[in-house]
Each structure stands twice: as structure tokens, then as C-alpha cells.
């Protein structure tokens, strides 16, 4: 029976578990979407929702409470300026957990934990990443062509001599 056993231990001692959850909450707020195991995603959900609720309050005390839990100043700033206003009239349920498959190695179930309404920002990030890849690919192709030209010239010069 699991009576009065709330929360997830995640196979860690208290300090390790607290550090893990703080890191995950910070990452979710900074990145909008994080891939992790299903158990960790379920464990981190109440903490992220509490941070968003603090962000919606917006007063100094809430900012200090969020700062005490989150790891970076950037995460606190983003929470209060970007993330919390997105959910102004929503009464909870700010996250989505999407199962993605199994982890190679131990077979743990993997999932994305993402903020609702972040699809636009994620699409912009995805597009920027694709543009960078295309740019790098074009630069590499150009370098290969230059190397081929130099190799052809050096071979032609050696044959003439």
C-alpha cells in the first residue's frame, strides 16, 4: 500500500533529488521543452507549476521565492517576463508530458516535458537550428571545392615540372 507516500524518491537521497528537481525546473523554464524520463517528468511537474504561479503573482516576495529555488538569474527573469504572462487567465495545467519511447541502455521510458503555448518559440528555435546547419553545410562544401581546386592545381604543377 502507498498510503501517505506522496512524491517521488527517484532512487536518490534528499539532497541529490532536490538538486535534480531544481535543475530540471530551471531547464524547463529556460528551454520550454526538456527530454527526460517519465518518472522525473511527473516529479518535476508540481514544482514547475508552483514557479509559474509565483511568476503570475509577480510581487517581490514571489520573485525572491522563485530565485531561492531556480538556479540562474536568467531563469527567474524569463519566468516573470515571458513564461508567467503567457498563462495570465489559466488556472493551472501549464505543462504537457509527451511519452517518446524508451531509453537505450536501461529501457527507461522517455518523455518530453514542455510548457503549453511554447510551440511558436520551439518552432522558431527549430528553424534557427536548421538555418545554422544549412549555413555550416554550405561552408563545408565550399571548403571542399577549394581543396579540390588546390589539389588539382598542385597535381598539374607537379606534372609540368
C-alpha atoms as a PDB file:
ATOM      1  CA  UNK A   1       0.000   0.000   0.000  1.00  0.00           C
ATOM      2  CA  UNK A   2       1.131   3.545  -0.756  1.00  0.00           C
ATOM      3  CA  UNK A   3      -0.915   5.388   1.844  1.00  0.00           C
ATOM      4  CA  UNK A   4       0.623   8.753   2.771  1.00  0.00           C
ATOM      5  CA  UNK A   5       3.595   8.228   0.443  1.00  0.00           C
ATOM      6  CA  UNK A   6       3.387  11.362  -1.665  1.00  0.00           C
ATOM      7  CA  UNK A   7       6.120  12.376  -4.078  1.00  0.00           C
ATOM      8  CA  UNK A   8       8.818  10.516  -5.946  1.00  0.00           C
ATOM      9  CA  UNK A   9      12.142   9.394  -4.471  1.00  0.00           C
ATOM     10  CA  UNK A  10      13.742   8.723  -7.877  1.00  0.00           C
ATOM     11  CA  UNK A  11      16.364   6.439  -6.322  1.00  0.00           C
ATOM     12  CA  UNK A  12      18.292   9.356  -4.818  1.00  0.00           C
ATOM     13  CA  UNK A  13      18.935  10.789  -1.402  1.00  0.00           C
ATOM     14  CA  UNK A  14      17.217  14.021  -0.396  1.00  0.00           C
ATOM     15  CA  UNK A  15      19.904  16.500  -1.413  1.00  0.00           C
ATOM     16  CA  UNK A  16      20.553  14.811  -4.755  1.00  0.00           C
ATOM     17  CA  UNK A  17      16.827  14.650  -5.516  1.00  0.00           C
ATOM     18  CA  UNK A  18      16.363  18.323  -4.611  1.00  0.00           C
ATOM     19  CA  UNK A  19      19.276  19.343  -6.830  1.00  0.00           C
ATOM     20  CA  UNK A  20      17.938  17.240  -9.703  1.00  0.00           C
ATOM     21  CA  UNK A  21      14.470  18.779  -9.463  1.00  0.00           C
ATOM     22  CA  UNK A  22      15.842  22.320  -9.217  1.00  0.00           C
ATOM     23  CA  UNK A  23      17.984  21.747 -12.308  1.00  0.00           C
ATOM     24  CA  UNK A  24      15.058  20.285 -14.258  1.00  0.00           C
ATOM     25  CA  UNK A  25      12.724  23.136 -13.287  1.00  0.00           C
ATOM     26  CA  UNK A  26      15.335  25.688 -14.339  1.00  0.00           C
ATOM     27  CA  UNK A  27      15.854  23.902 -17.654  1.00  0.00           C
ATOM     28  CA  UNK A  28      12.127  23.696 -18.401  1.00  0.00           C
ATOM     29  CA  UNK A  29      11.691  27.414 -17.751  1.00  0.00           C
ATOM     30  CA  UNK A  30      14.746  28.374 -19.812  1.00  0.00           C
ATOM     31  CA  UNK A  31      14.210  25.957 -22.727  1.00  0.00           C
ATOM     32  CA  UNK A  32      10.387  25.454 -22.800  1.00  0.00           C
ATOM     33  CA  UNK A  33      10.935  21.745 -23.538  1.00  0.00           C
ATOM     34  CA  UNK A  34      13.163  19.099 -21.931  1.00  0.00           C
ATOM     35  CA  UNK A  35      13.518  15.388 -22.633  1.00  0.00           C
ATOM     36  CA  UNK A  36      13.811  13.223 -19.530  1.00  0.00           C
ATOM     37  CA  UNK A  37      12.364  10.050 -18.057  1.00  0.00           C
ATOM     38  CA  UNK A  38       8.642   9.796 -17.359  1.00  0.00           C
ATOM     39  CA  UNK A  39       9.189   9.458 -13.599  1.00  0.00           C
ATOM     40  CA  UNK A  40      11.316  12.624 -13.474  1.00  0.00           C
ATOM     41  CA  UNK A  41       8.805  14.480 -15.647  1.00  0.00           C
ATOM     42  CA  UNK A  42       5.967  13.541 -13.305  1.00  0.00           C
ATOM     43  CA  UNK A  43       8.064  14.530 -10.277  1.00  0.00           C
ATOM     44  CA  UNK A  44       9.035  17.929 -11.685  1.00  0.00           C
ATOM     45  CA  UNK A  45       5.548  18.941 -12.845  1.00  0.00           C
ATOM     46  CA  UNK A  46       4.278  20.308  -9.471  1.00  0.00           C
ATOM     47  CA  UNK A  47       7.484  22.308  -8.976  1.00  0.00           C
ATOM     48  CA  UNK A  48       7.255  23.981 -12.388  1.00  0.00           C
ATOM     49  CA  UNK A  49       3.586  24.769 -11.849  1.00  0.00           C
ATOM     50  CA  UNK A  50       4.404  26.335  -8.477  1.00  0.00           C
ATOM     51  CA  UNK A  51       7.088  28.503 -10.094  1.00  0.00           C
ATOM     52  CA  UNK A  52       4.654  29.672 -12.776  1.00  0.00           C
ATOM     53  CA  UNK A  53       2.093  30.501 -10.096  1.00  0.00           C
ATOM     54  CA  UNK A  54       4.736  32.578  -8.313  1.00  0.00           C
ATOM     55  CA  UNK A  55       5.506  34.266 -11.613  1.00  0.00           C
ATOM     56  CA  UNK A  56       1.837  35.120 -12.114  1.00  0.00           C
ATOM     57  CA  UNK A  57       1.711  36.804  -8.689  1.00  0.00           C
ATOM     58  CA  UNK A  58       4.631  38.967  -9.771  1.00  0.00           C
ATOM     59  CA  UNK A  59       5.402  40.655  -6.445  1.00  0.00           C
ATOM     60  CA  UNK A  60       8.822  40.989  -4.848  1.00  0.00           C
ATOM     61  CA  UNK A  61       8.273  38.175  -2.357  1.00  0.00           C
ATOM     62  CA  UNK A  62       7.320  35.767  -5.146  1.00  0.00           C
ATOM     63  CA  UNK A  63      10.403  36.804  -7.120  1.00  0.00           C
ATOM     64  CA  UNK A  64      12.597  36.098  -4.102  1.00  0.00           C
ATOM     65  CA  UNK A  65      10.961  32.710  -3.537  1.00  0.00           C
ATOM     66  CA  UNK A  66      11.499  31.790  -7.189  1.00  0.00           C
ATOM     67  CA  UNK A  67      15.096  32.998  -7.015  1.00  0.00           C
ATOM     68  CA  UNK A  68      15.700  30.775  -3.980  1.00  0.00           C
ATOM     69  CA  UNK A  69      14.622  27.707  -5.958  1.00  0.00           C
ATOM     70  CA  UNK A  70      15.782  28.378  -9.517  1.00  0.00           C
ATOM     71  CA  UNK A  71      19.455  28.080 -10.424  1.00  0.00           C
ATOM     72  CA  UNK A  72      20.043  31.126 -12.606  1.00  0.00           C
ATOM     73  CA  UNK A  73      19.065  34.775 -12.711  1.00  0.00           C
ATOM     74  CA  UNK A  74      18.155  34.341 -16.384  1.00  0.00           C
ATOM     75  CA  UNK A  75      15.581  31.691 -15.471  1.00  0.00           C
ATOM     76  CA  UNK A  76      13.956  33.992 -12.892  1.00  0.00           C
ATOM     77  CA  UNK A  77      13.875  36.883 -15.350  1.00  0.00           C
ATOM     78  CA  UNK A  78      12.397  34.690 -18.098  1.00  0.00           C
ATOM     79  CA  UNK A  79       9.835  33.220 -15.666  1.00  0.00           C
ATOM     80  CA  UNK A  80       8.474  36.624 -14.677  1.00  0.00           C
ATOM     81  CA  UNK A  81       8.810  38.385 -18.058  1.00  0.00           C
ATOM     82  CA  UNK A  82       7.959  35.694 -20.626  1.00  0.00           C
ATOM     83  CA  UNK A  83       6.560  32.472 -19.181  1.00  0.00           C
ATOM     84  CA  UNK A  84       4.125  33.619 -16.470  1.00  0.00           C
ATOM     85  CA  UNK A  85       2.325  36.302 -18.557  1.00  0.00           C
ATOM     86  CA  UNK A  86       1.603  33.600 -21.160  1.00  0.00           C
ATOM     87  CA  UNK A  87      -0.749  31.937 -18.622  1.00  0.00           C
ATOM     88  CA  UNK A  88      -2.467  35.033 -17.214  1.00  0.00           C
ATOM     89  CA  UNK A  89      -6.028  33.663 -17.210  1.00  0.00           C
ATOM     90  CA  UNK A  90      -5.220  29.957 -16.906  1.00  0.00           C
ATOM     91  CA  UNK A  91      -5.857  28.232 -13.566  1.00  0.00           C
ATOM     92  CA  UNK A  92      -3.142  25.557 -13.732  1.00  0.00           C
ATOM     93  CA  UNK A  93      -2.186  22.788 -16.113  1.00  0.00           C
ATOM     94  CA  UNK A  94       0.723  24.661 -17.668  1.00  0.00           C
ATOM     95  CA  UNK A  95       2.676  21.568 -18.735  1.00  0.00           C
ATOM     96  CA  UNK A  96       2.355  18.673 -21.150  1.00  0.00           C
ATOM     97  CA  UNK A  97       4.156  15.337 -20.766  1.00  0.00           C
ATOM     98  CA  UNK A  98       4.554  13.504 -24.082  1.00  0.00           C
ATOM     99  CA  UNK A  99       5.981   9.993 -23.998  1.00  0.00           C
ATOM    100  CA  UNK A 100       8.573   9.454 -26.724  1.00  0.00           C
ATOM    101  CA  UNK A 101       9.924   5.929 -26.393  1.00  0.00           C
ATOM    102  CA  UNK A 102      12.481   4.014 -24.420  1.00  0.00           C
ATOM    103  CA  UNK A 103      15.979   4.902 -23.323  1.00  0.00           C
ATOM    104  CA  UNK A 104      18.765   2.873 -24.807  1.00  0.00           C
ATOM    105  CA  UNK A 105      20.697   1.129 -22.067  1.00  0.00           C
ATOM    106  CA  UNK A 106      18.270   0.618 -19.223  1.00  0.00           C
ATOM    107  CA  UNK A 107      14.990   0.768 -21.156  1.00  0.00           C
ATOM    108  CA  UNK A 108      13.507   3.583 -19.086  1.00  0.00           C
ATOM    109  CA  UNK A 109      10.524   5.343 -20.624  1.00  0.00           C
ATOM    110  CA  UNK A 110      11.465   8.753 -22.042  1.00  0.00           C
ATOM    111  CA  UNK A 111       9.201  11.778 -22.307  1.00  0.00           C
ATOM    112  CA  UNK A 112       9.225  15.441 -23.249  1.00  0.00           C
ATOM    113  CA  UNK A 113       8.002  17.834 -20.596  1.00  0.00           C
ATOM    114  CA  UNK A 114       7.011  21.077 -22.269  1.00  0.00           C
ATOM    115  CA  UNK A 115       5.215  24.281 -21.470  1.00  0.00           C
ATOM    116  CA  UNK A 116       1.879  24.729 -23.199  1.00  0.00           C
ATOM    117  CA  UNK A 117       1.783  27.571 -25.692  1.00  0.00           C
ATOM    118  CA  UNK A 118       5.518  27.329 -26.400  1.00  0.00           C
ATOM    119  CA  UNK A 119       5.018  25.797 -29.843  1.00  0.00           C
ATOM    120  CA  UNK A 120       5.774  29.081 -31.616  1.00  0.00           C
ATOM    121  CA  UNK A 121       9.012  29.616 -29.714  1.00  0.00           C
ATOM    122  CA  UNK A 122      10.051  26.000 -30.263  1.00  0.00           C
ATOM    123  CA  UNK A 123       9.349  26.328 -33.995  1.00  0.00           C
ATOM    124  CA  UNK A 124      11.483  29.487 -34.164  1.00  0.00           C
ATOM    125  CA  UNK A 125      14.319  27.659 -32.372  1.00  0.00           C
ATOM    126  CA  UNK A 126      13.957  24.697 -34.727  1.00  0.00           C
ATOM    127  CA  UNK A 127      14.081  26.999 -37.768  1.00  0.00           C
ATOM    128  CA  UNK A 128      17.191  28.807 -36.479  1.00  0.00           C
ATOM    129  CA  UNK A 129      18.878  25.465 -35.884  1.00  0.00           C
ATOM    130  CA  UNK A 130      18.024  24.317 -39.418  1.00  0.00           C
ATOM    131  CA  UNK A 131      19.350  27.588 -40.886  1.00  0.00           C
ATOM    132  CA  UNK A 132      22.625  27.201 -38.969  1.00  0.00           C
ATOM    133  CA  UNK A 133      23.001  23.627 -40.187  1.00  0.00           C
ATOM    134  CA  UNK A 134      22.409  24.697 -43.794  1.00  0.00           C
ATOM    135  CA  UNK A 135      24.930  27.531 -43.454  1.00  0.00           C
ATOM    136  CA  UNK A 136      27.584  25.226 -41.982  1.00  0.00           C
ATOM    137  CA  UNK A 137      26.918  22.640 -44.686  1.00  0.00           C
ATOM    138  CA  UNK A 138      27.359  25.292 -47.401  1.00  0.00           C
ATOM    139  CA  UNK A 139      30.632  26.479 -45.834  1.00  0.00           C
ATOM    140  CA  UNK A 140      31.965  22.913 -45.668  1.00  0.00           C
ATOM    141  CA  UNK A 141      31.030  22.271 -49.308  1.00  0.00           C
ATOM    142  CA  UNK A 142      32.794  25.479 -50.315  1.00  0.00           C
ATOM    143  CA  UNK A 143      35.931  24.461 -48.403  1.00  0.00           C
ATOM    144  CA  UNK A 144      35.886  21.025 -50.057  1.00  0.00           C
ATOM    145  CA  UNK A 145      35.619  22.613 -53.506  1.00  0.00           C
ATOM    146  CA  UNK A 146      38.554  24.933 -52.726  1.00  0.00           C
ATOM    147  CA  UNK A 147      40.630  21.983 -51.511  1.00  0.00           C
ATOM    148  CA  UNK A 148      39.825  20.043 -54.677  1.00  0.00           C
ATOM    149  CA  UNK A 149      40.852  23.013 -56.829  1.00  0.00           C
ATOM    150  CA  UNK A 150      44.129  23.408 -54.902  1.00  0.00           C
ATOM    151  CA  UNK A 151      44.813  19.689 -55.134  1.00  0.00           C
ATOM    152  CA  UNK A 152      44.132  19.770 -58.895  1.00  0.00           C
ATOM    153  CA  UNK A 153      46.441  22.777 -59.373  1.00  0.00           C
ATOM    154  CA  UNK A 154      49.256  21.241 -57.314  1.00  0.00           C
ATOM    155  CA  UNK A 155      48.998  17.966 -59.257  1.00  0.00           C
ATOM    156  CA  UNK A 156      49.003  19.842 -62.569  1.00  0.00           C
ATOM    157  CA  UNK A 157      52.034  21.914 -61.455  1.00  0.00           C
ATOM    158  CA  UNK A 158      53.992  18.804 -60.436  1.00  0.00           C
ATOM    159  CA  UNK A 159      53.308  17.084 -63.753  1.00  0.00           C
ATOM    160  CA  UNK A 160      54.502  20.109 -65.750  1.00  0.00           C
ATOM    161  CA  UNK A 161      57.806  20.269 -63.821  1.00  0.00           C
END
